[in-house]
């Protein structure tokens, strides 16, 4: 009879150890899932910022190209210096 009692006790200890291991694995899995979710959110945010930076870079490149054109120089001369072409028609509002 003592053999059965030790067997039951041994099985009980093994079951408790297995349950503890399963519990620890479950806790670690949950922790890793939360960390993965945080990393995915961070990645999405960084991808959005990267896309915004690319768009901003393209806008700046387009502005540089525009500023190297005669059209830009003419626009600046009109706005800053008040220069006009000979064939421009200037409309002056009537004073009321």
C-alpha atoms as a PDB file:
ATOM      1  CA  UNK A   1       0.000   0.000   0.000  1.00  0.00           C
ATOM      2  CA  UNK A   2       2.771   2.492   0.680  1.00  0.00           C
ATOM      3  CA  UNK A   3       3.699   2.344  -3.024  1.00  0.00           C
ATOM      4  CA  UNK A   4       0.252   3.621  -4.077  1.00  0.00           C
ATOM      5  CA  UNK A   5       0.416   6.478  -1.618  1.00  0.00           C
ATOM      6  CA  UNK A   6       3.795   7.571  -2.900  1.00  0.00           C
ATOM      7  CA  UNK A   7       2.565   7.199  -6.446  1.00  0.00           C
ATOM      8  CA  UNK A   8      -0.433   9.441  -5.800  1.00  0.00           C
ATOM      9  CA  UNK A   9       1.763  11.957  -4.022  1.00  0.00           C
ATOM     10  CA  UNK A  10       4.334  11.833  -6.845  1.00  0.00           C
ATOM     11  CA  UNK A  11       1.633  12.290  -9.488  1.00  0.00           C
ATOM     12  CA  UNK A  12       0.159  15.188  -7.498  1.00  0.00           C
ATOM     13  CA  UNK A  13       3.552  16.895  -7.328  1.00  0.00           C
ATOM     14  CA  UNK A  14       4.103  16.397 -11.048  1.00  0.00           C
ATOM     15  CA  UNK A  15       0.647  17.808 -11.822  1.00  0.00           C
ATOM     16  CA  UNK A  16       1.326  20.889  -9.664  1.00  0.00           C
ATOM     17  CA  UNK A  17       4.697  21.427 -11.355  1.00  0.00           C
ATOM     18  CA  UNK A  18       3.155  21.049 -14.817  1.00  0.00           C
ATOM     19  CA  UNK A  19       0.376  23.512 -13.909  1.00  0.00           C
ATOM     20  CA  UNK A  20       2.941  26.010 -12.625  1.00  0.00           C
ATOM     21  CA  UNK A  21       4.940  25.703 -15.837  1.00  0.00           C
ATOM     22  CA  UNK A  22       1.800  26.133 -17.965  1.00  0.00           C
ATOM     23  CA  UNK A  23       0.847  29.184 -15.884  1.00  0.00           C
ATOM     24  CA  UNK A  24       4.284  30.735 -16.300  1.00  0.00           C
ATOM     25  CA  UNK A  25       4.163  30.108 -20.050  1.00  0.00           C
ATOM     26  CA  UNK A  26       0.709  31.722 -20.235  1.00  0.00           C
ATOM     27  CA  UNK A  27       1.927  34.798 -18.328  1.00  0.00           C
ATOM     28  CA  UNK A  28       5.018  35.121 -20.528  1.00  0.00           C
ATOM     29  CA  UNK A  29       2.915  34.663 -23.687  1.00  0.00           C
ATOM     30  CA  UNK A  30       0.557  37.442 -22.578  1.00  0.00           C
ATOM     31  CA  UNK A  31       3.500  39.712 -21.826  1.00  0.00           C
ATOM     32  CA  UNK A  32       5.048  39.030 -25.233  1.00  0.00           C
ATOM     33  CA  UNK A  33       1.707  39.667 -26.999  1.00  0.00           C
ATOM     34  CA  UNK A  34       1.388  43.056 -25.289  1.00  0.00           C
ATOM     35  CA  UNK A  35       4.946  43.925 -26.259  1.00  0.00           C
ATOM     36  CA  UNK A  36       4.259  42.853 -29.852  1.00  0.00           C
ATOM     37  CA  UNK A  37       1.159  45.062 -29.960  1.00  0.00           C
ATOM     38  CA  UNK A  38       3.192  48.032 -28.684  1.00  0.00           C
ATOM     39  CA  UNK A  39       5.893  47.413 -31.275  1.00  0.00           C
ATOM     40  CA  UNK A  40       3.323  47.136 -34.087  1.00  0.00           C
ATOM     41  CA  UNK A  41       1.761  50.433 -33.009  1.00  0.00           C
ATOM     42  CA  UNK A  42       5.195  52.044 -32.885  1.00  0.00           C
ATOM     43  CA  UNK A  43       6.014  50.665 -36.337  1.00  0.00           C
ATOM     44  CA  UNK A  44       2.785  52.049 -37.786  1.00  0.00           C
ATOM     45  CA  UNK A  45       3.532  55.471 -36.283  1.00  0.00           C
ATOM     46  CA  UNK A  46       7.072  55.449 -37.668  1.00  0.00           C
ATOM     47  CA  UNK A  47       5.825  54.396 -41.113  1.00  0.00           C
ATOM     48  CA  UNK A  48       3.362  57.317 -41.101  1.00  0.00           C
ATOM     49  CA  UNK A  49       6.102  59.748 -40.073  1.00  0.00           C
ATOM     50  CA  UNK A  50       8.370  58.351 -42.791  1.00  0.00           C
ATOM     51  CA  UNK A  51       5.655  58.868 -45.409  1.00  0.00           C
ATOM     52  CA  UNK A  52       5.054  62.424 -44.179  1.00  0.00           C
ATOM     53  CA  UNK A  53       8.790  63.118 -44.376  1.00  0.00           C
ATOM     54  CA  UNK A  54       8.918  61.760 -47.941  1.00  0.00           C
ATOM     55  CA  UNK A  55       6.004  63.983 -48.943  1.00  0.00           C
ATOM     56  CA  UNK A  56       7.625  66.988 -47.294  1.00  0.00           C
ATOM     57  CA  UNK A  57      10.906  66.246 -49.054  1.00  0.00           C
ATOM     58  CA  UNK A  58       9.100  66.024 -52.391  1.00  0.00           C
ATOM     59  CA  UNK A  59       7.319  69.330 -51.712  1.00  0.00           C
ATOM     60  CA  UNK A  60      10.674  70.984 -50.962  1.00  0.00           C
ATOM     61  CA  UNK A  61      12.219  69.539 -54.140  1.00  0.00           C
ATOM     62  CA  UNK A  62       9.269  70.845 -56.171  1.00  0.00           C
ATOM     63  CA  UNK A  63       9.654  74.276 -54.555  1.00  0.00           C
ATOM     64  CA  UNK A  64      13.374  74.323 -55.410  1.00  0.00           C
ATOM     65  CA  UNK A  65      12.605  73.411 -59.025  1.00  0.00           C
ATOM     66  CA  UNK A  66       9.937  76.139 -59.207  1.00  0.00           C
ATOM     67  CA  UNK A  67      12.268  78.747 -57.746  1.00  0.00           C
ATOM     68  CA  UNK A  68      14.762  78.063 -60.523  1.00  0.00           C
ATOM     69  CA  UNK A  69      12.220  78.988 -63.227  1.00  0.00           C
ATOM     70  CA  UNK A  70      11.685  82.294 -64.995  1.00  0.00           C
ATOM     71  CA  UNK A  71       8.064  82.180 -63.878  1.00  0.00           C
ATOM     72  CA  UNK A  72       9.135  82.359 -60.222  1.00  0.00           C
ATOM     73  CA  UNK A  73      11.513  85.236 -60.883  1.00  0.00           C
ATOM     74  CA  UNK A  74       8.766  87.119 -62.710  1.00  0.00           C
ATOM     75  CA  UNK A  75       6.248  86.436 -59.912  1.00  0.00           C
ATOM     76  CA  UNK A  76       8.703  87.707 -57.279  1.00  0.00           C
ATOM     77  CA  UNK A  77       9.449  90.829 -59.360  1.00  0.00           C
ATOM     78  CA  UNK A  78       5.734  91.540 -59.646  1.00  0.00           C
ATOM     79  CA  UNK A  79       5.014  90.968 -55.951  1.00  0.00           C
ATOM     80  CA  UNK A  80       8.123  92.401 -54.302  1.00  0.00           C
ATOM     81  CA  UNK A  81       9.143  95.151 -56.703  1.00  0.00           C
ATOM     82  CA  UNK A  82       5.791  95.991 -58.243  1.00  0.00           C
ATOM     83  CA  UNK A  83       7.160  95.463 -61.753  1.00  0.00           C
ATOM     84  CA  UNK A  84       4.763  94.897 -64.638  1.00  0.00           C
ATOM     85  CA  UNK A  85       5.009  93.845 -68.252  1.00  0.00           C
ATOM     86  CA  UNK A  86       4.373  96.385 -70.963  1.00  0.00           C
ATOM     87  CA  UNK A  87       1.184  94.607 -72.047  1.00  0.00           C
ATOM     88  CA  UNK A  88      -0.261  94.275 -68.509  1.00  0.00           C
ATOM     89  CA  UNK A  89      -3.542  96.027 -67.870  1.00  0.00           C
ATOM     90  CA  UNK A  90      -3.707  97.543 -64.421  1.00  0.00           C
ATOM     91  CA  UNK A  91      -7.104  98.009 -62.853  1.00  0.00           C
ATOM     92  CA  UNK A  92      -7.350 100.598 -60.129  1.00  0.00           C
ATOM     93  CA  UNK A  93     -10.440 100.570 -57.924  1.00  0.00           C
ATOM     94  CA  UNK A  94     -12.461 103.730 -57.812  1.00  0.00           C
ATOM     95  CA  UNK A  95     -12.477 105.628 -54.562  1.00  0.00           C
ATOM     96  CA  UNK A  96     -15.979 105.850 -53.161  1.00  0.00           C
END
